[in-house]
C-alpha atoms as a PDB file:
ATOM      1  CA  MET A   1     151.691 186.527 193.193  1.00  0.00           C
ATOM      2  CA  SER A   2     154.840 185.732 195.191  1.00  0.00           C
ATOM      3  CA  ARG A   3     154.771 183.278 198.078  1.00  0.00           C
ATOM      4  CA  THR A   4     156.211 185.928 200.405  1.00  0.00           C
ATOM      5  CA  HIS A   5     153.396 188.344 199.553  1.00  0.00           C
ATOM      6  CA  ARG A   6     150.805 185.585 200.040  1.00  0.00           C
ATOM      7  CA  LEU A   7     152.264 184.593 203.441  1.00  0.00           C
ATOM      8  CA  THR A   8     152.377 188.228 204.549  1.00  0.00           C
ATOM      9  CA  THR A   9     148.750 188.694 203.530  1.00  0.00           C
ATOM     10  CA  ILE A  10     147.673 185.521 205.348  1.00  0.00           C
ATOM     11  CA  ALA A  11     149.476 186.668 208.512  1.00  0.00           C
ATOM     12  CA  ARG A  12     147.844 190.117 208.265  1.00  0.00           C
ATOM     13  CA  LEU A  13     144.375 188.579 207.805  1.00  0.00           C
ATOM     14  CA  LEU A  14     144.834 186.177 210.729  1.00  0.00           C
ATOM     15  CA  SER A  15     146.044 189.038 212.916  1.00  0.00           C
ATOM     16  CA  GLY A  16     142.937 191.070 212.139  1.00  0.00           C
ATOM     17  CA  ARG A  17     140.163 188.558 212.712  1.00  0.00           C
ATOM     18  CA  ARG A  18     139.296 184.925 213.395  1.00  0.00           C
ATOM     19  CA  PHE A  19     138.748 182.493 210.548  1.00  0.00           C
ATOM     20  CA  SER A  20     137.036 179.219 211.391  1.00  0.00           C
ATOM     21  CA  SER A  21     137.873 177.374 208.162  1.00  0.00           C
ATOM     22  CA  GLN A  22     140.427 177.350 205.384  1.00  0.00           C
ATOM     23  CA  GLU A  23     137.587 177.982 202.964  1.00  0.00           C
ATOM     24  CA  GLU A  24     136.662 181.183 204.799  1.00  0.00           C
ATOM     25  CA  LEU A  25     140.323 182.302 204.745  1.00  0.00           C
ATOM     26  CA  ALA A  26     140.647 181.426 201.033  1.00  0.00           C
ATOM     27  CA  GLU A  27     137.567 183.573 200.286  1.00  0.00           C
ATOM     28  CA  ALA A  28     139.125 186.519 202.150  1.00  0.00           C
ATOM     29  CA  LEU A  29     142.337 186.043 200.165  1.00  0.00           C
ATOM     30  CA  ALA A  30     140.322 185.929 196.898  1.00  0.00           C
ATOM     31  CA  ARG A  31     138.610 189.209 197.810  1.00  0.00           C
ATOM     32  CA  GLY A  32     142.127 190.657 198.089  1.00  0.00           C
ATOM     33  CA  GLY A  33     143.065 189.325 194.640  1.00  0.00           C
ATOM     34  CA  ILE A  34     144.926 186.214 195.803  1.00  0.00           C
ATOM     35  CA  ASP A  35     143.553 182.943 194.440  1.00  0.00           C
ATOM     36  CA  VAL A  36     144.901 179.940 196.288  1.00  0.00           C
ATOM     37  CA  THR A  37     144.128 176.216 196.330  1.00  0.00           C
ATOM     38  CA  GLN A  38     143.285 174.440 199.575  1.00  0.00           C
ATOM     39  CA  ALA A  39     146.536 172.436 199.363  1.00  0.00           C
ATOM     40  CA  THR A  40     148.644 175.597 198.971  1.00  0.00           C
ATOM     41  CA  LEU A  41     146.774 177.351 201.772  1.00  0.00           C
ATOM     42  CA  SER A  42     147.300 174.342 204.037  1.00  0.00           C
ATOM     43  CA  ARG A  43     151.072 174.379 203.297  1.00  0.00           C
ATOM     44  CA  ASP A  44     151.189 178.140 203.894  1.00  0.00           C
ATOM     45  CA  LEU A  45     149.419 177.808 207.252  1.00  0.00           C
ATOM     46  CA  ARG A  46     151.858 175.076 208.292  1.00  0.00           C
ATOM     47  CA  SER A  47     154.795 177.212 207.130  1.00  0.00           C
ATOM     48  CA  LEU A  48     153.567 180.128 209.258  1.00  0.00           C
ATOM     49  CA  GLY A  49     153.112 177.865 212.293  1.00  0.00           C
ATOM     50  CA  VAL A  50     149.377 178.523 212.366  1.00  0.00           C
ATOM     51  CA  ALA A  51     147.366 176.304 214.698  1.00  0.00           C
ATOM     52  CA  LYS A  52     143.639 175.717 215.027  1.00  0.00           C
ATOM     53  CA  ARG A  53     142.451 176.771 218.480  1.00  0.00           C
ATOM     54  CA  SER A  54     139.220 175.904 220.247  1.00  0.00           C
ATOM     55  CA  GLY A  55     137.173 178.116 222.520  1.00  0.00           C
ATOM     56  CA  ALA A  56     135.228 177.106 225.609  1.00  0.00           C
ATOM     57  CA  ASP A  57     132.014 177.534 223.604  1.00  0.00           C
ATOM     58  CA  GLY A  58     133.113 174.906 221.054  1.00  0.00           C
ATOM     59  CA  SER A  59     134.077 177.412 218.365  1.00  0.00           C
ATOM     60  CA  SER A  60     137.409 177.010 216.569  1.00  0.00           C
ATOM     61  CA  TRP A  61     139.649 179.370 214.602  1.00  0.00           C
ATOM     62  CA  TYR A  62     143.075 179.606 213.021  1.00  0.00           C
ATOM     63  CA  GLU A  63     145.692 181.485 215.020  1.00  0.00           C
ATOM     64  CA  LEU A  64     149.253 182.627 214.373  1.00  0.00           C
ATOM     65  CA  PRO A  65     151.843 181.598 216.942  1.00  0.00           C
ATOM     66  CA  THR A  66     152.293 184.237 219.609  1.00  0.00           C
ATOM     67  CA  PRO A  67     155.700 185.544 220.639  1.00  0.00           C
ATOM     68  CA  ALA A  68     155.418 183.393 223.775  1.00  0.00           C
ATOM     69  CA  VAL A  69     155.207 180.302 221.550  1.00  0.00           C
ATOM     70  CA  GLU A  70     158.097 181.462 219.367  1.00  0.00           C
ATOM     71  CA  ALA A  71     160.309 182.406 222.285  1.00  0.00           C
ATOM     72  CA  PHE A  72     162.111 179.565 223.964  1.00  0.00           C
ATOM     73  CA  ASP A  73     160.989 178.495 227.357  1.00  0.00           C
ATOM     74  CA  ARG A  74     163.688 180.143 229.522  1.00  0.00           C
ATOM     75  CA  SER A  75     164.532 176.921 231.347  1.00  0.00           C
ATOM     76  CA  ARG A  76     164.998 175.098 228.006  1.00  0.00           C
ATOM     77  CA  GLN A  77     167.258 177.887 226.761  1.00  0.00           C
ATOM     78  CA  LEU A  78     169.396 177.720 229.904  1.00  0.00           C
ATOM     79  CA  LEU A  79     169.460 173.925 229.725  1.00  0.00           C
ATOM     80  CA  ASP A  80     170.804 174.054 226.142  1.00  0.00           C
ATOM     81  CA  LEU A  81     173.473 176.540 227.223  1.00  0.00           C
ATOM     82  CA  LYS A  82     174.433 174.599 230.386  1.00  0.00           C
ATOM     83  CA  ILE A  83     174.604 171.165 228.824  1.00  0.00           C
ATOM     84  CA  PHE A  84     175.807 171.785 225.285  1.00  0.00           C
ATOM     85  CA  VAL A  85     178.327 174.643 225.509  1.00  0.00           C
ATOM     86  CA  ASN A  86     181.683 172.886 225.793  1.00  0.00           C
ATOM     87  CA  GLU A  87     184.076 175.709 224.968  1.00  0.00           C
ATOM     88  CA  THR A  88     183.977 179.424 224.154  1.00  0.00           C
ATOM     89  CA  ARG A  89     186.848 181.259 222.458  1.00  0.00           C
ATOM     90  CA  VAL A  90     187.075 184.916 221.505  1.00  0.00           C
ATOM     91  CA  THR A  91     189.135 186.551 218.781  1.00  0.00           C
ATOM     92  CA  GLN A  92     188.613 190.107 217.553  1.00  0.00           C
ATOM     93  CA  ASN A  93     184.832 190.606 217.258  1.00  0.00           C
ATOM     94  CA  LEU A  94     184.055 186.877 217.014  1.00  0.00           C
ATOM     95  CA  ALA A  95     183.178 184.261 219.581  1.00  0.00           C
ATOM     96  CA  VAL A  96     183.401 180.585 218.666  1.00  0.00           C
ATOM     97  CA  VAL A  97     181.252 178.254 220.758  1.00  0.00           C
ATOM     98  CA  LYS A  98     181.966 174.515 220.572  1.00  0.00           C
ATOM     99  CA  THR A  99     179.175 172.004 221.214  1.00  0.00           C
ATOM    100  CA  PRO A 100     178.757 168.243 220.936  1.00  0.00           C
ATOM    101  CA  PRO A 101     177.995 167.103 217.359  1.00  0.00           C
ATOM    102  CA  GLY A 102     174.446 167.938 216.291  1.00  0.00           C
ATOM    103  CA  HIS A 103     173.762 170.560 218.970  1.00  0.00           C
ATOM    104  CA  ALA A 104     175.081 173.782 217.422  1.00  0.00           C
ATOM    105  CA  SER A 105     171.690 174.849 216.006  1.00  0.00           C
ATOM    106  CA  ALA A 106     169.946 174.577 219.375  1.00  0.00           C
ATOM    107  CA  VAL A 107     172.756 176.477 221.089  1.00  0.00           C
ATOM    108  CA  ALA A 108     172.752 179.161 218.370  1.00  0.00           C
ATOM    109  CA  ARG A 109     169.006 179.606 218.809  1.00  0.00           C
ATOM    110  CA  ALA A 110     169.394 179.869 222.577  1.00  0.00           C
ATOM    111  CA  ILE A 111     172.191 182.409 222.100  1.00  0.00           C
ATOM    112  CA  ASP A 112     170.039 184.430 219.677  1.00  0.00           C
ATOM    113  CA  LEU A 113     167.274 184.540 222.280  1.00  0.00           C
ATOM    114  CA  THR A 114     169.553 185.845 225.048  1.00  0.00           C
ATOM    115  CA  GLY A 115     168.987 189.351 223.721  1.00  0.00           C
ATOM    116  CA  PHE A 116     172.655 190.328 224.038  1.00  0.00           C
ATOM    117  CA  ALA A 117     172.600 193.813 222.486  1.00  0.00           C
ATOM    118  CA  ALA A 118     176.019 193.695 220.772  1.00  0.00           C
ATOM    119  CA  LEU A 119     175.339 190.316 219.130  1.00  0.00           C
ATOM    120  CA  MET A 120     175.024 190.865 215.385  1.00  0.00           C
ATOM    121  CA  GLY A 121     174.109 187.247 214.612  1.00  0.00           C
ATOM    122  CA  THR A 122     175.059 183.586 214.814  1.00  0.00           C
ATOM    123  CA  VAL A 123     175.925 180.914 212.283  1.00  0.00           C
ATOM    124  CA  ALA A 124     175.625 177.271 213.319  1.00  0.00           C
ATOM    125  CA  GLY A 125     177.407 174.289 211.890  1.00  0.00           C
ATOM    126  CA  ASP A 126     177.215 170.787 213.311  1.00  0.00           C
ATOM    127  CA  ASP A 127     179.307 171.318 216.439  1.00  0.00           C
ATOM    128  CA  THR A 128     180.352 174.976 216.216  1.00  0.00           C
ATOM    129  CA  VAL A 129     178.513 178.277 216.570  1.00  0.00           C
ATOM    130  CA  LEU A 130     180.136 181.413 215.174  1.00  0.00           C
ATOM    131  CA  CYS A 131     178.888 184.501 217.013  1.00  0.00           C
ATOM    132  CA  ILE A 132     179.506 187.859 215.350  1.00  0.00           C
ATOM    133  CA  LEU A 133     179.695 190.808 217.734  1.00  0.00           C
ATOM    134  CA  GLU A 134     180.170 194.540 217.265  1.00  0.00           C
ATOM    135  CA  ASP A 135     183.792 194.667 218.486  1.00  0.00           C
ATOM    136  CA  HIS A 136     186.411 192.878 220.581  1.00  0.00           C
ATOM    137  CA  VAL A 137     185.225 194.394 223.876  1.00  0.00           C
ATOM    138  CA  SER A 138     181.682 193.214 223.115  1.00  0.00           C
ATOM    139  CA  ALA A 139     182.989 189.741 222.279  1.00  0.00           C
ATOM    140  CA  LYS A 140     184.727 189.500 225.675  1.00  0.00           C
ATOM    141  CA  ARG A 141     181.572 190.754 227.439  1.00  0.00           C
ATOM    142  CA  PHE A 142     179.541 188.214 225.455  1.00  0.00           C
ATOM    143  CA  ARG A 143     181.777 185.340 226.618  1.00  0.00           C
ATOM    144  CA  LYS A 144     181.304 186.483 230.234  1.00  0.00           C
ATOM    145  CA  HIS A 145     177.538 186.824 229.675  1.00  0.00           C
ATOM    146  CA  LEU A 146     177.376 183.324 228.142  1.00  0.00           C
ATOM    147  CA  ASP A 147     179.398 181.910 231.048  1.00  0.00           C
ATOM    148  CA  GLU A 148     176.992 183.522 233.538  1.00  0.00           C
ATOM    149  CA  LEU A 149     173.908 182.224 231.702  1.00  0.00           C
ATOM    150  CA  SER A 150     175.310 178.727 231.510  1.00  0.00           C
ATOM    151  CA  GLY A 151     176.259 178.688 235.186  1.00  0.00           C
ATOM    152  CA  ARG A 152     180.001 178.476 234.595  1.00  0.00           C
ATOM    153  CA  GLY A 153     180.986 181.709 236.352  1.00  0.00           C
ATOM    154  CA  GLY A 154     183.306 184.446 235.180  1.00  0.00           C
ATOM    155  CA  SER A 155     185.724 184.820 232.304  1.00  0.00           C
ATOM    156  CA  PRO A 156     189.064 183.034 232.189  1.00  0.00           C
ATOM    157  CA  PRO A 157     192.338 184.902 231.796  1.00  0.00           C
ATOM    158  CA  ALA A 158     192.929 186.429 228.345  1.00  0.00           C
ATOM    159  CA  GLY A 159     193.992 183.814 225.811  1.00  0.00           C
ATOM    160  CA  ALA A 160     192.994 180.901 228.020  1.00  0.00           C
ATOM    161  CA  ARG A 161     191.019 178.106 226.479  1.00  0.00           C
ATOM    162  CA  VAL A 162     187.722 177.394 228.214  1.00  0.00           C
ATOM    163  CA  SER A 163     186.599 173.788 228.050  1.00  0.00           C
ATOM    164  CA  HIS A 164     183.488 172.469 229.730  1.00  0.00           C
ATOM    165  CA  ALA A 165     183.092 168.886 228.607  1.00  0.00           C
ATOM    166  CA  VAL A 166     179.982 167.137 229.823  1.00  0.00           C
ATOM    167  CA  SER A 167     180.433 163.384 229.851  1.00  0.00           C
ATOM    168  CA  ARG A 168     176.785 162.552 229.178  1.00  0.00           C
ATOM    169  CA  THR A 169     176.917 164.531 225.942  1.00  0.00           C
ATOM    170  CA  SER A 170     180.136 162.987 224.632  1.00  0.00           C
ATOM    171  CA  PRO A 171     180.095 160.077 222.171  1.00  0.00           C
ATOM    172  CA  ALA A 172     181.749 157.891 224.835  1.00  0.00           C
ATOM    173  CA  GLY A 173     178.996 158.877 227.277  1.00  0.00           C
ATOM    174  CA  TRP A 174     176.330 158.050 224.694  1.00  0.00           C
ATOM    175  CA  ARG A 175     177.886 154.619 224.049  1.00  0.00           C
ATOM    176  CA  ALA A 176     178.082 153.878 227.771  1.00  0.00           C
ATOM    177  CA  ALA A 177     174.481 154.980 228.343  1.00  0.00           C
ATOM    178  CA  HIS A 178     173.293 152.975 225.333  1.00  0.00           C
ATOM    179  CA  ALA A 179     175.200 149.859 226.435  1.00  0.00           C
ATOM    180  CA  ALA A 180     173.796 150.124 229.949  1.00  0.00           C
ATOM    181  CA  SER A 181     170.231 150.410 228.637  1.00  0.00           C
ATOM    182  CA  ARG A 182     170.419 147.328 226.385  1.00  0.00           C
ATOM    183  CA  PRO A 183     169.166 144.059 227.813  1.00  0.00           C
ATOM    184  CA  THR A 184     171.687 141.259 227.836  1.00  0.00           C
ATOM    185  CA  GLN A 185     171.146 138.607 225.197  1.00  0.00           C
ATOM    186  CA  ALA A 186     170.926 134.985 226.219  1.00  0.00           C
ATOM    187  CA  SER A 187     173.304 132.693 224.317  1.00  0.00           C
ATOM    188  CA  PRO A 188     171.628 130.321 221.850  1.00  0.00           C
ATOM    189  CA  LYS A 189     171.728 126.704 223.028  1.00  0.00           C
END
């Protein structure tokens, strides 16, 4: 039995009814021909993002995350785009989005959740997000859309480099903030 098949079956079972214990869920899986240990089931539930919920009457059950849980909070998405998008460049059907080191994944996720129809997908590195779009026109529209979402206004002239550095997200800004937050050390006597 493949892990993918087991996870799909668990998700289908949890979508169909409420299970109050892992033992009850394991029995339902066994009836379907899937024998699983408690440790494996626990890992699978964690992998699926399943949480145990409680009702007003004191009952509890396992529940899959809802789309509202999976979807970013809109203000968080906009915050990631406003603060961490430093530069956007377009060439052919590609848009390259520069971010501070370590923030490309969060920006890529926020971009994925914008729902831009011509966006084929994103690939995140450490400080760069590669956005693949259907064509060059879509890539230019995407840059304008990203600028509007991030509060930076319209598109620059063709070929212009767009840079939106945010001092509090730069390494120099981090060092300054860290230095300001450290208490001063008294000299030993």
